Amino acid sequence: MKPVLRAAVLLPALLTLTGCAKEKTINGTTYDVYGLLNADEKKNPDIQYEVCWGNVVWGVVFVETIVAPIYFFGFALFEPSQTKSGVKGEIRHSDGGAR
């Protein structure tokens, strides 16, 4: 029974260290991921962020562990994708160009 309990504790701990959200370098500046608990310190108003759906899935799967959802939703829910456009209503595509 001990190996099962040990695996049940270690697996969520390891997954919290290997979240899907990644920092990104845009125009020579590296921007970090942020979550609901650290948005005031990490979120940059000039950068567009996207939800990291892998972290949402892991947070829901391991909701009973308490630690995993706090990490995934609190500190690594959004990842930087690109700079925001200065033109209102402009749609930017993944290659960075406007169309």
PDB file of N, CA and C in Angstrom:
ATOM      1  N   MET A   1       0.812  -1.203   0.000  1.00  0.00           N
ATOM      2  CA  MET A   1       0.000   0.000   0.000  1.00  0.00           C
ATOM      3  C   MET A   1       0.856   1.269   0.000  1.00  0.00           C
ATOM      4  N   LYS A   2       2.033   1.196   0.595  1.00  0.00           N
ATOM      5  CA  LYS A   2       2.893   2.371   0.640  1.00  0.00           C
ATOM      6  C   LYS A   2       3.309   2.864  -0.748  1.00  0.00           C
ATOM      7  N   PRO A   3       3.686   1.976  -1.694  1.00  0.00           N
ATOM      8  CA  PRO A   3       4.066   2.475  -3.026  1.00  0.00           C
ATOM      9  C   PRO A   3       2.923   3.202  -3.734  1.00  0.00           C
ATOM     10  N   VAL A   4       1.699   2.743  -3.539  1.00  0.00           N
ATOM     11  CA  VAL A   4       0.550   3.398  -4.172  1.00  0.00           C
ATOM     12  C   VAL A   4       0.348   4.787  -3.581  1.00  0.00           C
ATOM     13  N   LEU A   5       0.450   4.872  -2.264  1.00  0.00           N
ATOM     14  CA  LEU A   5       0.297   6.159  -1.603  1.00  0.00           C
ATOM     15  C   LEU A   5       1.421   7.117  -2.007  1.00  0.00           C
ATOM     16  N   ARG A   6       2.623   6.599  -2.083  1.00  0.00           N
ATOM     17  CA  ARG A   6       3.766   7.414  -2.484  1.00  0.00           C
ATOM     18  C   ARG A   6       3.573   7.941  -3.909  1.00  0.00           C
ATOM     19  N   ALA A   7       3.118   7.099  -4.812  1.00  0.00           N
ATOM     20  CA  ALA A   7       2.875   7.522  -6.197  1.00  0.00           C
ATOM     21  C   ALA A   7       1.751   8.545  -6.261  1.00  0.00           C
ATOM     22  N   ALA A   8       0.728   8.366  -5.433  1.00  0.00           N
ATOM     23  CA  ALA A   8      -0.404   9.297  -5.418  1.00  0.00           C
ATOM     24  C   ALA A   8       0.010  10.678  -4.930  1.00  0.00           C
ATOM     25  N   VAL A   9       1.043  10.751  -4.119  1.00  0.00           N
ATOM     26  CA  VAL A   9       1.530  12.040  -3.631  1.00  0.00           C
ATOM     27  C   VAL A   9       2.564  12.633  -4.588  1.00  0.00           C
ATOM     28  N   LEU A  10       3.447  11.822  -5.117  1.00  0.00           N
ATOM     29  CA  LEU A  10       4.526  12.322  -5.976  1.00  0.00           C
ATOM     30  C   LEU A  10       4.052  12.737  -7.365  1.00  0.00           C
ATOM     31  N   LEU A  11       3.097  12.041  -7.933  1.00  0.00           N
ATOM     32  CA  LEU A  11       2.643  12.359  -9.285  1.00  0.00           C
ATOM     33  C   LEU A  11       2.096  13.786  -9.387  1.00  0.00           C
ATOM     34  N   PRO A  12       1.174  14.209  -8.538  1.00  0.00           N
ATOM     35  CA  PRO A  12       0.716  15.606  -8.636  1.00  0.00           C
ATOM     36  C   PRO A  12       1.829  16.610  -8.363  1.00  0.00           C
ATOM     37  N   ALA A  13       2.732  16.278  -7.445  1.00  0.00           N
ATOM     38  CA  ALA A  13       3.841  17.189  -7.164  1.00  0.00           C
ATOM     39  C   ALA A  13       4.733  17.360  -8.393  1.00  0.00           C
ATOM     40  N   LEU A  14       5.018  16.293  -9.092  1.00  0.00           N
ATOM     41  CA  LEU A  14       5.837  16.379 -10.306  1.00  0.00           C
ATOM     42  C   LEU A  14       5.113  17.117 -11.424  1.00  0.00           C
ATOM     43  N   LEU A  15       3.811  16.903 -11.537  1.00  0.00           N
ATOM     44  CA  LEU A  15       3.049  17.584 -12.581  1.00  0.00           C
ATOM     45  C   LEU A  15       2.986  19.089 -12.345  1.00  0.00           C
ATOM     46  N   THR A  16       2.955  19.509 -11.095  1.00  0.00           N
ATOM     47  CA  THR A  16       2.935  20.946 -10.833  1.00  0.00           C
ATOM     48  C   THR A  16       4.245  21.606 -11.254  1.00  0.00           C
ATOM     49  N   LEU A  17       5.314  20.850 -11.254  1.00  0.00           N
ATOM     50  CA  LEU A  17       6.599  21.397 -11.688  1.00  0.00           C
ATOM     51  C   LEU A  17       6.751  21.402 -13.200  1.00  0.00           C
ATOM     52  N   THR A  18       5.915  20.656 -13.890  1.00  0.00           N
ATOM     53  CA  THR A  18       6.023  20.553 -15.351  1.00  0.00           C
ATOM     54  C   THR A  18       4.734  21.000 -16.015  1.00  0.00           C
ATOM     55  N   GLY A  19       4.261  22.172 -15.714  1.00  0.00           N
ATOM     56  CA  GLY A  19       3.052  22.694 -16.325  1.00  0.00           C
ATOM     57  C   GLY A  19       3.250  22.962 -17.803  1.00  0.00           C
ATOM     58  N   CYS A  20       2.173  23.125 -18.497  1.00  0.00           N
ATOM     59  CA  CYS A  20       2.225  23.326 -19.951  1.00  0.00           C
ATOM     60  C   CYS A  20       2.546  24.762 -20.344  1.00  0.00           C
ATOM     61  N   ALA A  21       2.205  25.733 -19.516  1.00  0.00           N
ATOM     62  CA  ALA A  21       2.433  27.133 -19.857  1.00  0.00           C
ATOM     63  C   ALA A  21       3.927  27.422 -19.885  1.00  0.00           C
ATOM     64  N   LYS A  22       4.349  28.150 -20.897  1.00  0.00           N
ATOM     65  CA  LYS A  22       5.767  28.462 -21.069  1.00  0.00           C
ATOM     66  C   LYS A  22       5.944  29.974 -21.225  1.00  0.00           C
ATOM     67  N   GLU A  23       7.050  30.469 -20.699  1.00  0.00           N
ATOM     68  CA  GLU A  23       7.373  31.873 -20.931  1.00  0.00           C
ATOM     69  C   GLU A  23       7.753  32.043 -22.392  1.00  0.00           C
ATOM     70  N   LYS A  24       7.679  33.276 -22.891  1.00  0.00           N
ATOM     71  CA  LYS A  24       7.947  33.506 -24.309  1.00  0.00           C
ATOM     72  C   LYS A  24       8.741  34.802 -24.475  1.00  0.00           C
ATOM     73  N   THR A  25       9.688  34.773 -25.416  1.00  0.00           N
ATOM     74  CA  THR A  25      10.470  35.959 -25.738  1.00  0.00           C
ATOM     75  C   THR A  25       9.852  36.627 -26.960  1.00  0.00           C
ATOM     76  N   ILE A  26       9.467  37.893 -26.783  1.00  0.00           N
ATOM     77  CA  ILE A  26       8.847  38.674 -27.850  1.00  0.00           C
ATOM     78  C   ILE A  26       9.663  39.953 -28.010  1.00  0.00           C
ATOM     79  N   ASN A  27      10.177  40.184 -29.190  1.00  0.00           N
ATOM     80  CA  ASN A  27      10.993  41.366 -29.499  1.00  0.00           C
ATOM     81  C   ASN A  27      12.156  41.527 -28.513  1.00  0.00           C
ATOM     82  N   GLY A  28      12.791  40.422 -28.152  1.00  0.00           N
ATOM     83  CA  GLY A  28      13.961  40.468 -27.286  1.00  0.00           C
ATOM     84  C   GLY A  28      13.676  40.530 -25.795  1.00  0.00           C
ATOM     85  N   THR A  29      12.405  40.579 -25.404  1.00  0.00           N
ATOM     86  CA  THR A  29      12.039  40.613 -23.991  1.00  0.00           C
ATOM     87  C   THR A  29      11.292  39.339 -23.643  1.00  0.00           C
ATOM     88  N   THR A  30      11.667  38.709 -22.542  1.00  0.00           N
ATOM     89  CA  THR A  30      11.024  37.476 -22.113  1.00  0.00           C
ATOM     90  C   THR A  30       9.894  37.810 -21.140  1.00  0.00           C
ATOM     91  N   TYR A  31       8.704  37.290 -21.443  1.00  0.00           N
ATOM     92  CA  TYR A  31       7.520  37.512 -20.613  1.00  0.00           C
ATOM     93  C   TYR A  31       7.145  36.203 -19.940  1.00  0.00           C
ATOM     94  N   ASP A  32       6.791  36.292 -18.663  1.00  0.00           N
ATOM     95  CA  ASP A  32       6.487  35.121 -17.857  1.00  0.00           C
ATOM     96  C   ASP A  32       4.988  34.823 -17.894  1.00  0.00           C
ATOM     97  N   VAL A  33       4.628  33.603 -17.527  1.00  0.00           N
ATOM     98  CA  VAL A  33       3.230  33.211 -17.412  1.00  0.00           C
ATOM     99  C   VAL A  33       2.663  33.791 -16.116  1.00  0.00           C
ATOM    100  N   TYR A  34       1.343  33.884 -16.038  1.00  0.00           N
ATOM    101  CA  TYR A  34       0.721  34.348 -14.805  1.00  0.00           C
ATOM    102  C   TYR A  34      -0.588  33.615 -14.585  1.00  0.00           C
ATOM    103  N   GLY A  35      -1.085  33.727 -13.376  1.00  0.00           N
ATOM    104  CA  GLY A  35      -2.345  33.092 -13.022  1.00  0.00           C
ATOM    105  C   GLY A  35      -3.250  34.069 -12.299  1.00  0.00           C
ATOM    106  N   LEU A  36      -4.265  33.541 -11.662  1.00  0.00           N
ATOM    107  CA  LEU A  36      -5.234  34.388 -10.983  1.00  0.00           C
ATOM    108  C   LEU A  36      -4.670  35.037  -9.722  1.00  0.00           C
ATOM    109  N   LEU A  37      -3.680  34.411  -9.102  1.00  0.00           N
ATOM    110  CA  LEU A  37      -3.141  34.930  -7.852  1.00  0.00           C
ATOM    111  C   LEU A  37      -1.992  35.915  -8.034  1.00  0.00           C
ATOM    112  N   ASN A  38      -1.310  35.875  -9.176  1.00  0.00           N
ATOM    113  CA  ASN A  38      -0.163  36.772  -9.365  1.00  0.00           C
ATOM    114  C   ASN A  38      -0.302  37.666 -10.595  1.00  0.00           C
ATOM    115  N   ALA A  39      -1.517  37.944 -11.011  1.00  0.00           N
ATOM    116  CA  ALA A  39      -1.739  38.774 -12.202  1.00  0.00           C
ATOM    117  C   ALA A  39      -1.218  40.197 -12.000  1.00  0.00           C
ATOM    118  N   ASP A  40      -1.336  40.734 -10.796  1.00  0.00           N
ATOM    119  CA  ASP A  40      -0.882  42.103 -10.554  1.00  0.00           C
ATOM    120  C   ASP A  40       0.623  42.257 -10.749  1.00  0.00           C
ATOM    121  N   GLU A  41       1.395  41.222 -10.405  1.00  0.00           N
ATOM    122  CA  GLU A  41       2.843  41.313 -10.522  1.00  0.00           C
ATOM    123  C   GLU A  41       3.361  40.893 -11.894  1.00  0.00           C
ATOM    124  N   LYS A  42       2.706  39.947 -12.561  1.00  0.00           N
ATOM    125  CA  LYS A  42       3.275  39.339 -13.770  1.00  0.00           C
ATOM    126  C   LYS A  42       2.650  39.811 -15.083  1.00  0.00           C
ATOM    127  N   LYS A  43       1.385  40.211 -15.073  1.00  0.00           N
ATOM    128  CA  LYS A  43       0.695  40.552 -16.324  1.00  0.00           C
ATOM    129  C   LYS A  43       1.194  41.882 -16.879  1.00  0.00           C
ATOM    130  N   ASN A  44       1.525  41.876 -18.174  1.00  0.00           N
ATOM    131  CA  ASN A  44       1.965  43.078 -18.872  1.00  0.00           C
ATOM    132  C   ASN A  44       0.809  43.573 -19.738  1.00  0.00           C
ATOM    133  N   PRO A  45       0.380  44.818 -19.600  1.00  0.00           N
ATOM    134  CA  PRO A  45      -0.773  45.309 -20.365  1.00  0.00           C
ATOM    135  C   PRO A  45      -0.529  45.416 -21.869  1.00  0.00           C
ATOM    136  N   ASP A  46       0.721  45.376 -22.307  1.00  0.00           N
ATOM    137  CA  ASP A  46       1.041  45.490 -23.731  1.00  0.00           C
ATOM    138  C   ASP A  46       1.139  44.142 -24.429  1.00  0.00           C
ATOM    139  N   ILE A  47       0.967  43.055 -23.685  1.00  0.00           N
ATOM    140  CA  ILE A  47       1.098  41.709 -24.235  1.00  0.00           C
ATOM    141  C   ILE A  47      -0.253  41.011 -24.210  1.00  0.00           C
ATOM    142  N   GLN A  48      -0.530  40.290 -25.287  1.00  0.00           N
ATOM    143  CA  GLN A  48      -1.752  39.494 -25.359  1.00  0.00           C
ATOM    144  C   GLN A  48      -1.447  38.100 -24.801  1.00  0.00           C
ATOM    145  N   TYR A  49      -2.303  37.631 -23.908  1.00  0.00           N
ATOM    146  CA  TYR A  49      -2.122  36.328 -23.278  1.00  0.00           C
ATOM    147  C   TYR A  49      -3.220  35.383 -23.717  1.00  0.00           C
ATOM    148  N   GLU A  50      -2.903  34.088 -23.704  1.00  0.00           N
ATOM    149  CA  GLU A  50      -3.881  33.052 -24.025  1.00  0.00           C
ATOM    150  C   GLU A  50      -3.964  32.067 -22.870  1.00  0.00           C
ATOM    151  N   VAL A  51      -5.131  31.461 -22.710  1.00  0.00           N
ATOM    152  CA  VAL A  51      -5.310  30.447 -21.673  1.00  0.00           C
ATOM    153  C   VAL A  51      -4.531  29.202 -22.065  1.00  0.00           C
ATOM    154  N   CYS A  52      -3.829  28.629 -21.130  1.00  0.00           N
ATOM    155  CA  CYS A  52      -3.118  27.368 -21.352  1.00  0.00           C
ATOM    156  C   CYS A  52      -4.077  26.236 -20.989  1.00  0.00           C
ATOM    157  N   TRP A  53      -4.691  25.647 -21.993  1.00  0.00           N
ATOM    158  CA  TRP A  53      -5.729  24.639 -21.757  1.00  0.00           C
ATOM    159  C   TRP A  53      -5.178  23.366 -21.136  1.00  0.00           C
ATOM    160  N   GLY A  54      -3.921  23.076 -21.342  1.00  0.00           N
ATOM    161  CA  GLY A  54      -3.311  21.921 -20.688  1.00  0.00           C
ATOM    162  C   GLY A  54      -3.318  22.077 -19.175  1.00  0.00           C
ATOM    163  N   ASN A  55      -3.036  23.285 -18.703  1.00  0.00           N
ATOM    164  CA  ASN A  55      -3.063  23.542 -17.273  1.00  0.00           C
ATOM    165  C   ASN A  55      -4.487  23.509 -16.720  1.00  0.00           C
ATOM    166  N   VAL A  56      -5.455  23.918 -17.516  1.00  0.00           N
ATOM    167  CA  VAL A  56      -6.847  23.826 -17.079  1.00  0.00           C
ATOM    168  C   VAL A  56      -7.230  22.357 -16.886  1.00  0.00           C
ATOM    169  N   VAL A  57      -6.850  21.521 -17.845  1.00  0.00           N
ATOM    170  CA  VAL A  57      -7.163  20.088 -17.747  1.00  0.00           C
ATOM    171  C   VAL A  57      -6.486  19.473 -16.529  1.00  0.00           C
ATOM    172  N   TRP A  58      -5.181  19.746 -16.335  1.00  0.00           N
ATOM    173  CA  TRP A  58      -4.479  19.184 -15.181  1.00  0.00           C
ATOM    174  C   TRP A  58      -5.066  19.688 -13.872  1.00  0.00           C
ATOM    175  N   GLY A  59      -5.458  20.937 -13.819  1.00  0.00           N
ATOM    176  CA  GLY A  59      -6.058  21.479 -12.608  1.00  0.00           C
ATOM    177  C   GLY A  59      -7.371  20.808 -12.261  1.00  0.00           C
ATOM    178  N   VAL A  60      -8.167  20.496 -13.289  1.00  0.00           N
ATOM    179  CA  VAL A  60      -9.447  19.814 -13.058  1.00  0.00           C
ATOM    180  C   VAL A  60      -9.218  18.353 -12.694  1.00  0.00           C
ATOM    181  N   VAL A  61      -8.296  17.685 -13.372  1.00  0.00           N
ATOM    182  CA  VAL A  61      -8.028  16.273 -13.089  1.00  0.00           C
ATOM    183  C   VAL A  61      -7.546  16.087 -11.654  1.00  0.00           C
ATOM    184  N   PHE A  62      -6.679  16.971 -11.200  1.00  0.00           N
ATOM    185  CA  PHE A  62      -6.108  16.833  -9.862  1.00  0.00           C
ATOM    186  C   PHE A  62      -6.724  17.795  -8.850  1.00  0.00           C
ATOM    187  N   VAL A  63      -8.005  18.108  -9.016  1.00  0.00           N
ATOM    188  CA  VAL A  63      -8.681  19.044  -8.124  1.00  0.00           C
ATOM    189  C   VAL A  63      -8.690  18.547  -6.682  1.00  0.00           C
ATOM    190  N   GLU A  64      -8.682  17.258  -6.471  1.00  0.00           N
ATOM    191  CA  GLU A  64      -8.728  16.716  -5.116  1.00  0.00           C
ATOM    192  C   GLU A  64      -7.401  16.862  -4.372  1.00  0.00           C
ATOM    193  N   THR A  65      -6.318  17.115  -5.084  1.00  0.00           N
ATOM    194  CA  THR A  65      -5.023  17.235  -4.420  1.00  0.00           C
ATOM    195  C   THR A  65      -4.811  18.612  -3.797  1.00  0.00           C
ATOM    196  N   ILE A  66      -5.603  19.561  -4.140  1.00  0.00           N
ATOM    197  CA  ILE A  66      -5.570  20.944  -3.663  1.00  0.00           C
ATOM    198  C   ILE A  66      -4.332  21.697  -4.149  1.00  0.00           C
ATOM    199  N   VAL A  67      -3.153  21.100  -4.072  1.00  0.00           N
ATOM    200  CA  VAL A  67      -1.925  21.788  -4.466  1.00  0.00           C
ATOM    201  C   VAL A  67      -1.886  22.030  -5.980  1.00  0.00           C
ATOM    202  N   ALA A  68      -2.231  21.048  -6.768  1.00  0.00           N
ATOM    203  CA  ALA A  68      -2.151  21.182  -8.228  1.00  0.00           C
ATOM    204  C   ALA A  68      -3.048  22.303  -8.760  1.00  0.00           C
ATOM    205  N   PRO A  69      -4.324  22.378  -8.382  1.00  0.00           N
ATOM    206  CA  PRO A  69      -5.148  23.482  -8.901  1.00  0.00           C
ATOM    207  C   PRO A  69      -4.664  24.856  -8.453  1.00  0.00           C
ATOM    208  N   ILE A  70      -4.132  24.943  -7.231  1.00  0.00           N
ATOM    209  CA  ILE A  70      -3.613  26.235  -6.776  1.00  0.00           C
ATOM    210  C   ILE A  70      -2.468  26.678  -7.679  1.00  0.00           C
ATOM    211  N   TYR A  71      -1.584  25.764  -8.033  1.00  0.00           N
ATOM    212  CA  TYR A  71      -0.478  26.122  -8.918  1.00  0.00           C
ATOM    213  C   TYR A  71      -0.987  26.439 -10.327  1.00  0.00           C
ATOM    214  N   PHE A  72      -1.753  25.516 -10.914  1.00  0.00           N
ATOM    215  CA  PHE A  72      -2.169  25.681 -12.313  1.00  0.00           C
ATOM    216  C   PHE A  72      -3.058  26.899 -12.520  1.00  0.00           C
ATOM    217  N   PHE A  73      -4.033  27.122 -11.641  1.00  0.00           N
ATOM    218  CA  PHE A  73      -4.940  28.258 -11.811  1.00  0.00           C
ATOM    219  C   PHE A  73      -4.377  29.537 -11.200  1.00  0.00           C
ATOM    220  N   GLY A  74      -3.630  29.405 -10.133  1.00  0.00           N
ATOM    221  CA  GLY A  74      -3.142  30.576  -9.432  1.00  0.00           C
ATOM    222  C   GLY A  74      -1.882  31.186 -10.004  1.00  0.00           C
ATOM    223  N   PHE A  75      -0.998  30.365 -10.590  1.00  0.00           N
ATOM    224  CA  PHE A  75       0.299  30.879 -11.007  1.00  0.00           C
ATOM    225  C   PHE A  75       0.677  30.591 -12.459  1.00  0.00           C
ATOM    226  N   ALA A  76      -0.069  29.761 -13.191  1.00  0.00           N
ATOM    227  CA  ALA A  76       0.339  29.402 -14.561  1.00  0.00           C
ATOM    228  C   ALA A  76      -0.850  29.159 -15.476  1.00  0.00           C
ATOM    229  N   LEU A  77      -1.844  30.023 -15.421  1.00  0.00           N
ATOM    230  CA  LEU A  77      -3.046  29.822 -16.238  1.00  0.00           C
ATOM    231  C   LEU A  77      -2.934  30.488 -17.614  1.00  0.00           C
ATOM    232  N   PHE A  78      -2.274  31.628 -17.687  1.00  0.00           N
ATOM    233  CA  PHE A  78      -2.165  32.374 -18.942  1.00  0.00           C
ATOM    234  C   PHE A  78      -0.711  32.436 -19.393  1.00  0.00           C
ATOM    235  N   GLU A  79      -0.499  32.271 -20.706  1.00  0.00           N
ATOM    236  CA  GLU A  79       0.846  32.374 -21.259  1.00  0.00           C
ATOM    237  C   GLU A  79       0.871  33.454 -22.334  1.00  0.00           C
ATOM    238  N   PRO A  80       1.998  34.161 -22.470  1.00  0.00           N
ATOM    239  CA  PRO A  80       2.093  35.236 -23.468  1.00  0.00           C
ATOM    240  C   PRO A  80       2.068  34.664 -24.879  1.00  0.00           C
ATOM    241  N   SER A  81       1.406  35.397 -25.787  1.00  0.00           N
ATOM    242  CA  SER A  81       1.354  34.923 -27.167  1.00  0.00           C
ATOM    243  C   SER A  81       1.939  35.926 -28.155  1.00  0.00           C
ATOM    244  N   GLN A  82       1.628  37.222 -27.984  1.00  0.00           N
ATOM    245  CA  GLN A  82       2.131  38.235 -28.910  1.00  0.00           C
ATOM    246  C   GLN A  82       1.881  39.620 -28.326  1.00  0.00           C
ATOM    247  N   THR A  83       2.419  40.643 -28.993  1.00  0.00           N
ATOM    248  CA  THR A  83       2.163  42.008 -28.541  1.00  0.00           C
ATOM    249  C   THR A  83       0.772  42.430 -28.988  1.00  0.00           C
ATOM    250  N   LYS A  84       0.176  43.324 -28.222  1.00  0.00           N
ATOM    251  CA  LYS A  84      -1.140  43.840 -28.599  1.00  0.00           C
ATOM    252  C   LYS A  84      -0.984  44.851 -29.716  1.00  0.00           C
ATOM    253  N   SER A  85      -1.977  44.924 -30.551  1.00  0.00           N
ATOM    254  CA  SER A  85      -1.976  45.859 -31.661  1.00  0.00           C
ATOM    255  C   SER A  85      -2.382  47.247 -31.167  1.00  0.00           C
ATOM    256  N   GLY A  86      -1.845  48.277 -31.796  1.00  0.00           N
ATOM    257  CA  GLY A  86      -2.220  49.640 -31.459  1.00  0.00           C
ATOM    258  C   GLY A  86      -3.484  50.085 -32.166  1.00  0.00           C
ATOM    259  N   VAL A  87      -3.962  49.300 -33.130  1.00  0.00           N
ATOM    260  CA  VAL A  87      -5.131  49.652 -33.916  1.00  0.00           C
ATOM    261  C   VAL A  87      -6.342  48.930 -33.343  1.00  0.00           C
ATOM    262  N   LYS A  88      -7.359  49.675 -32.981  1.00  0.00           N
ATOM    263  CA  LYS A  88      -8.555  49.074 -32.392  1.00  0.00           C
ATOM    264  C   LYS A  88      -9.276  48.226 -33.438  1.00  0.00           C
ATOM    265  N   GLY A  89      -9.572  46.989 -33.081  1.00  0.00           N
ATOM    266  CA  GLY A  89     -10.291  46.080 -33.967  1.00  0.00           C
ATOM    267  C   GLY A  89      -9.410  45.273 -34.908  1.00  0.00           C
ATOM    268  N   GLU A  90      -8.103  45.510 -34.892  1.00  0.00           N
ATOM    269  CA  GLU A  90      -7.201  44.768 -35.765  1.00  0.00           C
ATOM    270  C   GLU A  90      -7.050  43.333 -35.264  1.00  0.00           C
ATOM    271  N   ILE A  91      -7.075  42.392 -36.180  1.00  0.00           N
ATOM    272  CA  ILE A  91      -6.913  40.982 -35.847  1.00  0.00           C
ATOM    273  C   ILE A  91      -5.494  40.582 -36.195  1.00  0.00           C
ATOM    274  N   ARG A  92      -4.768  40.085 -35.208  1.00  0.00           N
ATOM    275  CA  ARG A  92      -3.392  39.627 -35.422  1.00  0.00           C
ATOM    276  C   ARG A  92      -3.395  38.121 -35.479  1.00  0.00           C
ATOM    277  N   HIS A  93      -2.635  37.587 -36.400  1.00  0.00           N
ATOM    278  CA  HIS A  93      -2.565  36.147 -36.576  1.00  0.00           C
ATOM    279  C   HIS A  93      -1.302  35.597 -35.916  1.00  0.00           C
ATOM    280  N   SER A  94      -1.221  34.290 -35.814  1.00  0.00           N
ATOM    281  CA  SER A  94      -0.122  33.653 -35.101  1.00  0.00           C
ATOM    282  C   SER A  94       1.247  33.979 -35.698  1.00  0.00           C
ATOM    283  N   ASP A  95       1.315  34.334 -36.977  1.00  0.00           N
ATOM    284  CA  ASP A  95       2.602  34.682 -37.575  1.00  0.00           C
ATOM    285  C   ASP A  95       3.002  36.122 -37.260  1.00  0.00           C
ATOM    286  N   GLY A  96       2.145  36.851 -36.516  1.00  0.00           N
ATOM    287  CA  GLY A  96       2.475  38.208 -36.086  1.00  0.00           C
ATOM    288  C   GLY A  96       1.979  39.276 -37.019  1.00  0.00           C
ATOM    289  N   GLY A  97       1.513  38.918 -38.197  1.00  0.00           N
ATOM    290  CA  GLY A  97       1.060  39.905 -39.155  1.00  0.00           C
ATOM    291  C   GLY A  97      -0.422  40.192 -39.051  1.00  0.00           C
ATOM    292  N   ALA A  98      -0.805  41.379 -39.463  1.00  0.00           N
ATOM    293  CA  ALA A  98      -2.219  41.745 -39.481  1.00  0.00           C
ATOM    294  C   ALA A  98      -2.778  41.516 -40.880  1.00  0.00           C
ATOM    295  N   ARG A  99      -4.029  41.161 -40.926  1.00  0.00           N
ATOM    296  CA  ARG A  99      -4.670  40.947 -42.235  1.00  0.00           C
ATOM    297  C   ARG A  99      -6.008  41.625 -42.260  1.00  0.00           C
TER     298      ARG A  99
END
